Amino acid sequence: MDALITVLIGALVSLLAGGIASSEVIRKLIRYILGKQPPPKTYSERLSELTSSLTTASSQVDSVLQELSLVAREKEDTVKKLEAGLEKLEERERDLKQKIKALQKVPLPVAEHFAKLVEPSERKSARRDYILFGAGVLVATIITLLLQAF
């Protein structure tokens, strides 16, 4: 039984040592110690590396193109918004120019009277006038109702 366990342990150690010895790191270390150059890569290995490199580069180019497309769409949207804003400003400019032309034809006394009407003190008096008018309507309605009741 001891012999069987020893044989099994020896077999496992041999497998482990063979696996370690066949690893690429150990191979490179042995070549370095012995001063030998690594063997040249085979055609299929070089072709495989180039293919994987090309695949990686292609996926990177695709991602860059997608990002460029996204940025281009954002810039296009921004340009459209700016054009719409510019059209609105041009329309507003035309309207203001028409208003200026119309105001240039208005006589100066009329403009001064209009400016006085717009002043804050005039607005307060206009508010007072509306309140007095409303109170007058209310009093007239109450008097009418009282006369109809008696």
N, C-alpha and C. Protein backbone atom coordinates (compact mmCIF):
# COMPACT_ATOMS: atom_id res chain seq x y z
N MET A 1 0.82 -1.17 0.00
CA MET A 1 0.00 0.00 0.00
C MET A 1 0.88 1.26 0.00
N ASP A 2 1.95 1.25 0.81
CA ASP A 2 2.87 2.39 0.82
C ASP A 2 3.51 2.58 -0.55
N ALA A 3 3.78 1.49 -1.21
CA ALA A 3 4.41 1.57 -2.53
C ALA A 3 3.45 2.20 -3.54
N LEU A 4 2.18 1.86 -3.42
CA LEU A 4 1.18 2.42 -4.33
C LEU A 4 1.04 3.92 -4.13
N ILE A 5 1.03 4.37 -2.91
CA ILE A 5 0.91 5.81 -2.60
C ILE A 5 2.16 6.52 -3.11
N THR A 6 3.31 5.92 -2.93
CA THR A 6 4.55 6.54 -3.38
C THR A 6 4.55 6.65 -4.90
N VAL A 7 4.07 5.62 -5.59
CA VAL A 7 4.01 5.66 -7.05
C VAL A 7 3.03 6.75 -7.50
N LEU A 8 1.89 6.87 -6.87
CA LEU A 8 0.91 7.90 -7.23
C LEU A 8 1.46 9.30 -6.98
N ILE A 9 2.12 9.48 -5.84
CA ILE A 9 2.69 10.80 -5.54
C ILE A 9 3.78 11.13 -6.55
N GLY A 10 4.59 10.14 -6.89
CA GLY A 10 5.65 10.35 -7.89
C GLY A 10 5.06 10.71 -9.24
N ALA A 11 3.95 10.06 -9.62
CA ALA A 11 3.31 10.35 -10.89
C ALA A 11 2.76 11.77 -10.91
N LEU A 12 2.14 12.17 -9.80
CA LEU A 12 1.60 13.54 -9.72
C LEU A 12 2.70 14.59 -9.77
N VAL A 13 3.80 14.32 -9.07
CA VAL A 13 4.93 15.25 -9.08
C VAL A 13 5.51 15.33 -10.48
N SER A 14 5.60 14.20 -11.18
CA SER A 14 6.12 14.18 -12.55
C SER A 14 5.21 14.98 -13.47
N LEU A 15 3.91 14.79 -13.35
CA LEU A 15 2.96 15.56 -14.17
C LEU A 15 3.09 17.06 -13.91
N LEU A 16 3.18 17.41 -12.65
CA LEU A 16 3.29 18.82 -12.27
C LEU A 16 4.60 19.41 -12.78
N ALA A 17 5.70 18.69 -12.61
CA ALA A 17 6.99 19.18 -13.08
C ALA A 17 7.00 19.29 -14.60
N GLY A 18 6.40 18.33 -15.30
CA GLY A 18 6.33 18.39 -16.75
C GLY A 18 5.50 19.57 -17.22
N GLY A 19 4.41 19.85 -16.54
CA GLY A 19 3.56 20.99 -16.90
C GLY A 19 4.29 22.30 -16.70
N ILE A 20 5.01 22.40 -15.58
CA ILE A 20 5.76 23.63 -15.30
C ILE A 20 6.90 23.79 -16.29
N ALA A 21 7.61 22.70 -16.57
CA ALA A 21 8.76 22.75 -17.48
C ALA A 21 8.34 23.10 -18.90
N SER A 22 7.13 22.73 -19.26
CA SER A 22 6.68 23.01 -20.63
C SER A 22 6.03 24.39 -20.76
N SER A 23 5.94 25.15 -19.69
CA SER A 23 5.33 26.48 -19.78
C SER A 23 6.25 27.42 -20.54
N GLU A 24 5.70 28.44 -21.12
CA GLU A 24 6.43 29.38 -21.96
C GLU A 24 7.46 30.16 -21.15
N VAL A 25 7.16 30.48 -19.91
CA VAL A 25 8.08 31.23 -19.06
C VAL A 25 9.36 30.42 -18.82
N ILE A 26 9.19 29.14 -18.48
CA ILE A 26 10.35 28.27 -18.23
C ILE A 26 11.15 28.09 -19.51
N ARG A 27 10.47 27.95 -20.63
CA ARG A 27 11.18 27.80 -21.91
C ARG A 27 12.04 29.03 -22.20
N LYS A 28 11.47 30.21 -22.00
CA LYS A 28 12.23 31.44 -22.24
C LYS A 28 13.42 31.53 -21.28
N LEU A 29 13.22 31.15 -20.03
CA LEU A 29 14.28 31.19 -19.03
C LEU A 29 15.42 30.23 -19.42
N ILE A 30 15.10 29.04 -19.85
CA ILE A 30 16.12 28.06 -20.26
C ILE A 30 16.86 28.56 -21.49
N ARG A 31 16.14 29.14 -22.47
CA ARG A 31 16.80 29.68 -23.65
C ARG A 31 17.74 30.82 -23.27
N TYR A 32 17.33 31.65 -22.33
CA TYR A 32 18.17 32.76 -21.88
C TYR A 32 19.43 32.25 -21.19
N ILE A 33 19.25 31.24 -20.33
CA ILE A 33 20.40 30.67 -19.61
C ILE A 33 21.37 30.02 -20.60
N LEU A 34 20.85 29.33 -21.58
CA LEU A 34 21.69 28.65 -22.56
C LEU A 34 22.19 29.59 -23.65
N GLY A 35 21.64 30.80 -23.72
CA GLY A 35 22.07 31.79 -24.71
C GLY A 35 21.55 31.51 -26.10
N LYS A 36 20.46 30.82 -26.22
CA LYS A 36 19.90 30.49 -27.53
C LYS A 36 18.82 31.52 -27.90
N GLN A 37 18.68 31.77 -29.19
CA GLN A 37 17.63 32.65 -29.70
C GLN A 37 16.33 31.86 -29.78
N PRO A 38 15.20 32.55 -29.54
CA PRO A 38 13.93 31.83 -29.66
C PRO A 38 13.70 31.45 -31.12
N PRO A 39 13.03 30.34 -31.33
CA PRO A 39 12.79 29.92 -32.71
C PRO A 39 11.85 30.92 -33.40
N PRO A 40 12.04 31.13 -34.70
CA PRO A 40 11.14 32.08 -35.40
C PRO A 40 9.70 31.56 -35.41
N LYS A 41 8.82 32.51 -35.40
CA LYS A 41 7.40 32.13 -35.38
C LYS A 41 7.02 31.52 -36.72
N THR A 42 6.10 30.62 -36.66
CA THR A 42 5.65 29.99 -37.89
C THR A 42 4.73 30.94 -38.64
N TYR A 43 4.50 30.63 -39.89
CA TYR A 43 3.64 31.46 -40.73
C TYR A 43 2.24 31.55 -40.15
N SER A 44 1.71 30.44 -39.66
CA SER A 44 0.35 30.44 -39.12
C SER A 44 0.27 31.27 -37.83
N GLU A 45 1.34 31.25 -37.01
CA GLU A 45 1.34 32.06 -35.79
C GLU A 45 1.36 33.55 -36.15
N ARG A 46 2.21 33.90 -37.09
CA ARG A 46 2.28 35.31 -37.51
C ARG A 46 0.96 35.76 -38.12
N LEU A 47 0.38 34.89 -38.95
CA LEU A 47 -0.90 35.21 -39.58
C LEU A 47 -2.00 35.36 -38.53
N SER A 48 -1.98 34.51 -37.52
CA SER A 48 -2.98 34.59 -36.44
C SER A 48 -2.82 35.89 -35.66
N GLU A 49 -1.59 36.28 -35.34
CA GLU A 49 -1.35 37.53 -34.61
C GLU A 49 -1.78 38.74 -35.44
N LEU A 50 -1.45 38.72 -36.72
CA LEU A 50 -1.84 39.83 -37.59
C LEU A 50 -3.36 39.92 -37.73
N THR A 51 -4.01 38.78 -37.81
CA THR A 51 -5.47 38.77 -37.93
C THR A 51 -6.12 39.33 -36.66
N SER A 52 -5.62 38.92 -35.50
CA SER A 52 -6.20 39.43 -34.25
C SER A 52 -5.91 40.93 -34.11
N SER A 53 -4.71 41.36 -34.54
CA SER A 53 -4.38 42.78 -34.48
C SER A 53 -5.29 43.57 -35.42
N LEU A 54 -5.53 43.03 -36.59
CA LEU A 54 -6.42 43.70 -37.55
C LEU A 54 -7.85 43.77 -37.02
N THR A 55 -8.30 42.72 -36.37
CA THR A 55 -9.65 42.70 -35.80
C THR A 55 -9.78 43.77 -34.70
N THR A 56 -8.75 43.86 -33.87
CA THR A 56 -8.76 44.86 -32.79
C THR A 56 -8.78 46.27 -33.38
N ALA A 57 -7.93 46.50 -34.37
CA ALA A 57 -7.86 47.83 -34.99
C ALA A 57 -9.18 48.17 -35.67
N SER A 58 -9.80 47.19 -36.31
CA SER A 58 -11.08 47.42 -36.98
C SER A 58 -12.17 47.80 -35.98
N SER A 59 -12.19 47.12 -34.85
CA SER A 59 -13.21 47.46 -33.84
C SER A 59 -12.96 48.86 -33.26
N GLN A 60 -11.70 49.23 -33.11
CA GLN A 60 -11.39 50.58 -32.62
C GLN A 60 -11.80 51.64 -33.64
N VAL A 61 -11.57 51.36 -34.91
CA VAL A 61 -11.98 52.31 -35.96
C VAL A 61 -13.50 52.44 -35.98
N ASP A 62 -14.21 51.31 -35.81
CA ASP A 62 -15.67 51.36 -35.77
C ASP A 62 -16.16 52.23 -34.62
N SER A 63 -15.53 52.07 -33.45
CA SER A 63 -15.97 52.88 -32.31
C SER A 63 -15.68 54.36 -32.53
N VAL A 64 -14.54 54.66 -33.17
CA VAL A 64 -14.22 56.07 -33.46
C VAL A 64 -15.21 56.63 -34.47
N LEU A 65 -15.57 55.84 -35.48
CA LEU A 65 -16.55 56.31 -36.47
C LEU A 65 -17.92 56.55 -35.84
N GLN A 66 -18.32 55.69 -34.92
CA GLN A 66 -19.60 55.89 -34.24
C GLN A 66 -19.57 57.17 -33.41
N GLU A 67 -18.46 57.40 -32.73
CA GLU A 67 -18.34 58.61 -31.93
C GLU A 67 -18.36 59.86 -32.82
N LEU A 68 -17.65 59.79 -33.95
CA LEU A 68 -17.66 60.91 -34.89
C LEU A 68 -19.06 61.17 -35.43
N SER A 69 -19.79 60.10 -35.70
CA SER A 69 -21.16 60.25 -36.19
C SER A 69 -22.04 60.92 -35.14
N LEU A 70 -21.88 60.51 -33.89
CA LEU A 70 -22.65 61.11 -32.80
C LEU A 70 -22.33 62.59 -32.66
N VAL A 71 -21.05 62.93 -32.69
CA VAL A 71 -20.65 64.33 -32.57
C VAL A 71 -21.19 65.14 -33.76
N ALA A 72 -21.14 64.56 -34.96
CA ALA A 72 -21.65 65.27 -36.14
C ALA A 72 -23.15 65.53 -36.01
N ARG A 73 -23.90 64.54 -35.50
CA ARG A 73 -25.34 64.76 -35.32
C ARG A 73 -25.61 65.85 -34.29
N GLU A 74 -24.83 65.85 -33.20
CA GLU A 74 -25.01 66.89 -32.18
C GLU A 74 -24.71 68.27 -32.77
N LYS A 75 -23.64 68.36 -33.55
CA LYS A 75 -23.29 69.65 -34.16
C LYS A 75 -24.38 70.09 -35.15
N GLU A 76 -24.92 69.13 -35.89
CA GLU A 76 -25.98 69.45 -36.84
C GLU A 76 -27.22 69.98 -36.12
N ASP A 77 -27.58 69.34 -35.00
CA ASP A 77 -28.72 69.82 -34.22
C ASP A 77 -28.47 71.23 -33.69
N THR A 78 -27.24 71.46 -33.22
CA THR A 78 -26.89 72.78 -32.70
C THR A 78 -26.99 73.83 -33.80
N VAL A 79 -26.50 73.49 -35.00
CA VAL A 79 -26.56 74.44 -36.12
C VAL A 79 -28.01 74.74 -36.49
N LYS A 80 -28.86 73.71 -36.50
CA LYS A 80 -30.27 73.93 -36.82
C LYS A 80 -30.93 74.85 -35.80
N LYS A 81 -30.62 74.63 -34.51
CA LYS A 81 -31.18 75.49 -33.47
C LYS A 81 -30.70 76.93 -33.64
N LEU A 82 -29.42 77.09 -33.95
CA LEU A 82 -28.89 78.44 -34.15
C LEU A 82 -29.52 79.11 -35.36
N GLU A 83 -29.74 78.35 -36.43
CA GLU A 83 -30.38 78.92 -37.62
C GLU A 83 -31.80 79.36 -37.31
N ALA A 84 -32.53 78.53 -36.54
CA ALA A 84 -33.90 78.90 -36.17
C ALA A 84 -33.89 80.17 -35.31
N GLY A 85 -32.95 80.24 -34.37
CA GLY A 85 -32.84 81.45 -33.54
C GLY A 85 -32.49 82.67 -34.36
N LEU A 86 -31.62 82.48 -35.34
CA LEU A 86 -31.23 83.59 -36.21
C LEU A 86 -32.41 84.07 -37.04
N GLU A 87 -33.22 83.14 -37.53
CA GLU A 87 -34.41 83.53 -38.30
C GLU A 87 -35.38 84.33 -37.43
N LYS A 88 -35.56 83.90 -36.17
CA LYS A 88 -36.44 84.63 -35.26
C LYS A 88 -35.90 86.04 -35.01
N LEU A 89 -34.59 86.13 -34.82
CA LEU A 89 -33.99 87.45 -34.59
C LEU A 89 -34.12 88.35 -35.82
N GLU A 90 -33.95 87.77 -37.00
CA GLU A 90 -34.11 88.56 -38.23
C GLU A 90 -35.55 89.06 -38.37
N GLU A 91 -36.51 88.19 -38.04
CA GLU A 91 -37.92 88.59 -38.12
C GLU A 91 -38.21 89.70 -37.10
N ARG A 92 -37.64 89.56 -35.92
CA ARG A 92 -37.85 90.59 -34.89
C ARG A 92 -37.22 91.90 -35.33
N GLU A 93 -36.04 91.80 -35.96
CA GLU A 93 -35.38 93.02 -36.46
C GLU A 93 -36.24 93.71 -37.52
N ARG A 94 -36.83 92.94 -38.43
CA ARG A 94 -37.71 93.53 -39.44
C ARG A 94 -38.91 94.22 -38.78
N ASP A 95 -39.51 93.55 -37.79
CA ASP A 95 -40.65 94.15 -37.10
C ASP A 95 -40.26 95.45 -36.41
N LEU A 96 -39.11 95.43 -35.75
CA LEU A 96 -38.67 96.65 -35.06
C LEU A 96 -38.37 97.77 -36.04
N LYS A 97 -37.79 97.43 -37.19
CA LYS A 97 -37.52 98.46 -38.19
C LYS A 97 -38.82 99.07 -38.70
N GLN A 98 -39.85 98.23 -38.88
CA GLN A 98 -41.15 98.75 -39.32
C GLN A 98 -41.75 99.66 -38.25
N LYS A 99 -41.63 99.25 -37.01
CA LYS A 99 -42.15 100.09 -35.92
C LYS A 99 -41.41 101.41 -35.85
N ILE A 100 -40.09 101.36 -36.05
CA ILE A 100 -39.31 102.60 -36.02
C ILE A 100 -39.73 103.52 -37.16
N LYS A 101 -39.94 102.95 -38.36
CA LYS A 101 -40.40 103.76 -39.49
C LYS A 101 -41.75 104.39 -39.19
N ALA A 102 -42.64 103.59 -38.58
CA ALA A 102 -43.97 104.12 -38.25
C ALA A 102 -43.88 105.21 -37.19
N LEU A 103 -43.00 105.02 -36.21
CA LEU A 103 -42.86 106.03 -35.15
C LEU A 103 -42.18 107.30 -35.66
N GLN A 104 -41.35 107.17 -36.68
CA GLN A 104 -40.70 108.36 -37.23
C GLN A 104 -41.72 109.28 -37.89
N LYS A 105 -42.83 108.71 -38.35
CA LYS A 105 -43.86 109.51 -39.01
C LYS A 105 -44.81 110.17 -38.01
N VAL A 106 -44.76 109.71 -36.73
CA VAL A 106 -45.65 110.27 -35.71
C VAL A 106 -45.11 111.64 -35.30
N PRO A 107 -46.00 112.67 -35.23
CA PRO A 107 -45.56 114.00 -34.81
C PRO A 107 -45.04 113.98 -33.36
N LEU A 108 -44.13 114.86 -33.06
CA LEU A 108 -43.49 114.90 -31.76
C LEU A 108 -44.47 115.15 -30.61
N PRO A 109 -45.44 116.03 -30.72
CA PRO A 109 -46.37 116.23 -29.59
C PRO A 109 -47.15 114.95 -29.25
N VAL A 110 -47.51 114.18 -30.26
CA VAL A 110 -48.24 112.94 -30.00
C VAL A 110 -47.35 111.97 -29.23
N ALA A 111 -46.09 111.88 -29.61
CA ALA A 111 -45.16 110.98 -28.93
C ALA A 111 -44.96 111.40 -27.49
N GLU A 112 -44.88 112.72 -27.25
CA GLU A 112 -44.71 113.20 -25.88
C GLU A 112 -45.93 112.88 -25.04
N HIS A 113 -47.12 113.03 -25.61
CA HIS A 113 -48.35 112.70 -24.89
C HIS A 113 -48.39 111.21 -24.58
N PHE A 114 -48.00 110.40 -25.52
CA PHE A 114 -47.98 108.95 -25.30
C PHE A 114 -46.98 108.59 -24.19
N ALA A 115 -45.84 109.24 -24.17
CA ALA A 115 -44.83 108.99 -23.14
C ALA A 115 -45.38 109.36 -21.77
N LYS A 116 -46.15 110.45 -21.70
CA LYS A 116 -46.74 110.86 -20.42
C LYS A 116 -47.76 109.83 -19.95
N LEU A 117 -48.53 109.27 -20.89
CA LEU A 117 -49.52 108.26 -20.51
C LEU A 117 -48.88 107.00 -19.96
N VAL A 118 -47.71 106.71 -20.42
CA VAL A 118 -47.04 105.47 -20.02
C VAL A 118 -46.27 105.65 -18.71
N GLU A 119 -46.01 106.84 -18.29
CA GLU A 119 -45.27 107.08 -17.05
C GLU A 119 -45.99 106.43 -15.87
N PRO A 120 -45.24 106.04 -14.83
CA PRO A 120 -45.85 105.36 -13.67
C PRO A 120 -46.92 106.19 -12.97
N SER A 121 -46.74 107.48 -12.88
CA SER A 121 -47.74 108.29 -12.19
C SER A 121 -49.05 108.28 -12.98
N GLU A 122 -48.97 108.28 -14.29
CA GLU A 122 -50.17 108.23 -15.11
C GLU A 122 -50.85 106.87 -14.99
N ARG A 123 -50.03 105.82 -14.83
CA ARG A 123 -50.64 104.49 -14.67
C ARG A 123 -51.41 104.42 -13.36
N LYS A 124 -50.89 105.08 -12.32
CA LYS A 124 -51.59 105.08 -11.04
C LYS A 124 -52.92 105.82 -11.17
N SER A 125 -52.94 106.91 -11.89
CA SER A 125 -54.19 107.65 -12.04
C SER A 125 -55.16 106.85 -12.90
N ALA A 126 -54.66 106.12 -13.86
CA ALA A 126 -55.54 105.27 -14.68
C ALA A 126 -56.14 104.18 -13.80
N ARG A 127 -55.35 103.62 -12.92
CA ARG A 127 -55.87 102.59 -12.00
C ARG A 127 -56.96 103.20 -11.10
N ARG A 128 -56.70 104.39 -10.64
CA ARG A 128 -57.70 105.08 -9.81
C ARG A 128 -58.98 105.29 -10.59
N ASP A 129 -58.86 105.65 -11.86
CA ASP A 129 -60.04 105.86 -12.71
C ASP A 129 -60.83 104.56 -12.86
N TYR A 130 -60.14 103.45 -13.06
CA TYR A 130 -60.83 102.15 -13.18
C TYR A 130 -61.55 101.79 -11.89
N ILE A 131 -60.91 102.04 -10.76
CA ILE A 131 -61.53 101.73 -9.46
C ILE A 131 -62.78 102.60 -9.27
N LEU A 132 -62.68 103.88 -9.59
CA LEU A 132 -63.84 104.77 -9.45
C LEU A 132 -64.97 104.35 -10.38
N PHE A 133 -64.63 103.95 -11.61
CA PHE A 133 -65.65 103.49 -12.56
C PHE A 133 -66.34 102.24 -12.03
N GLY A 134 -65.55 101.28 -11.51
CA GLY A 134 -66.13 100.05 -10.96
C GLY A 134 -67.02 100.35 -9.77
N ALA A 135 -66.58 101.26 -8.91
CA ALA A 135 -67.40 101.63 -7.75
C ALA A 135 -68.70 102.28 -8.20
N GLY A 136 -68.62 103.10 -9.24
CA GLY A 136 -69.83 103.74 -9.76
C GLY A 136 -70.82 102.71 -10.29
N VAL A 137 -70.31 101.71 -11.01
CA VAL A 137 -71.18 100.66 -11.54
C VAL A 137 -71.81 99.90 -10.38
N LEU A 138 -71.05 99.60 -9.37
CA LEU A 138 -71.55 98.86 -8.20
C LEU A 138 -72.64 99.67 -7.47
N VAL A 139 -72.39 100.93 -7.24
CA VAL A 139 -73.38 101.78 -6.55
C VAL A 139 -74.66 101.91 -7.39
N ALA A 140 -74.51 102.06 -8.71
CA ALA A 140 -75.68 102.18 -9.57
C ALA A 140 -76.49 100.89 -9.54
N THR A 141 -75.82 99.74 -9.53
CA THR A 141 -76.52 98.45 -9.48
C THR A 141 -77.27 98.31 -8.15
N ILE A 142 -76.64 98.68 -7.07
CA ILE A 142 -77.29 98.58 -5.74
C ILE A 142 -78.50 99.49 -5.67
N ILE A 143 -78.38 100.71 -6.19
CA ILE A 143 -79.50 101.64 -6.17
C ILE A 143 -80.66 101.11 -7.03
N THR A 144 -80.32 100.52 -8.19
CA THR A 144 -81.34 99.97 -9.05
C THR A 144 -82.08 98.84 -8.36
N LEU A 145 -81.37 97.97 -7.69
CA LEU A 145 -81.98 96.84 -6.98
C LEU A 145 -82.88 97.35 -5.82
N LEU A 146 -82.43 98.37 -5.12
CA LEU A 146 -83.23 98.93 -4.01
C LEU A 146 -84.53 99.58 -4.55
N LEU A 147 -84.45 100.28 -5.66
CA LEU A 147 -85.62 100.89 -6.24
C LEU A 147 -86.62 99.86 -6.72
N GLN A 148 -86.12 98.76 -7.27
CA GLN A 148 -87.03 97.72 -7.74
C GLN A 148 -87.66 96.96 -6.56
N ALA A 149 -86.96 96.89 -5.45
CA ALA A 149 -87.48 96.19 -4.29
C ALA A 149 -88.59 97.01 -3.62
N PHE A 150 -88.56 98.34 -3.68
CA PHE A 150 -89.57 99.18 -3.02
C PHE A 150 -90.51 99.71 -3.98
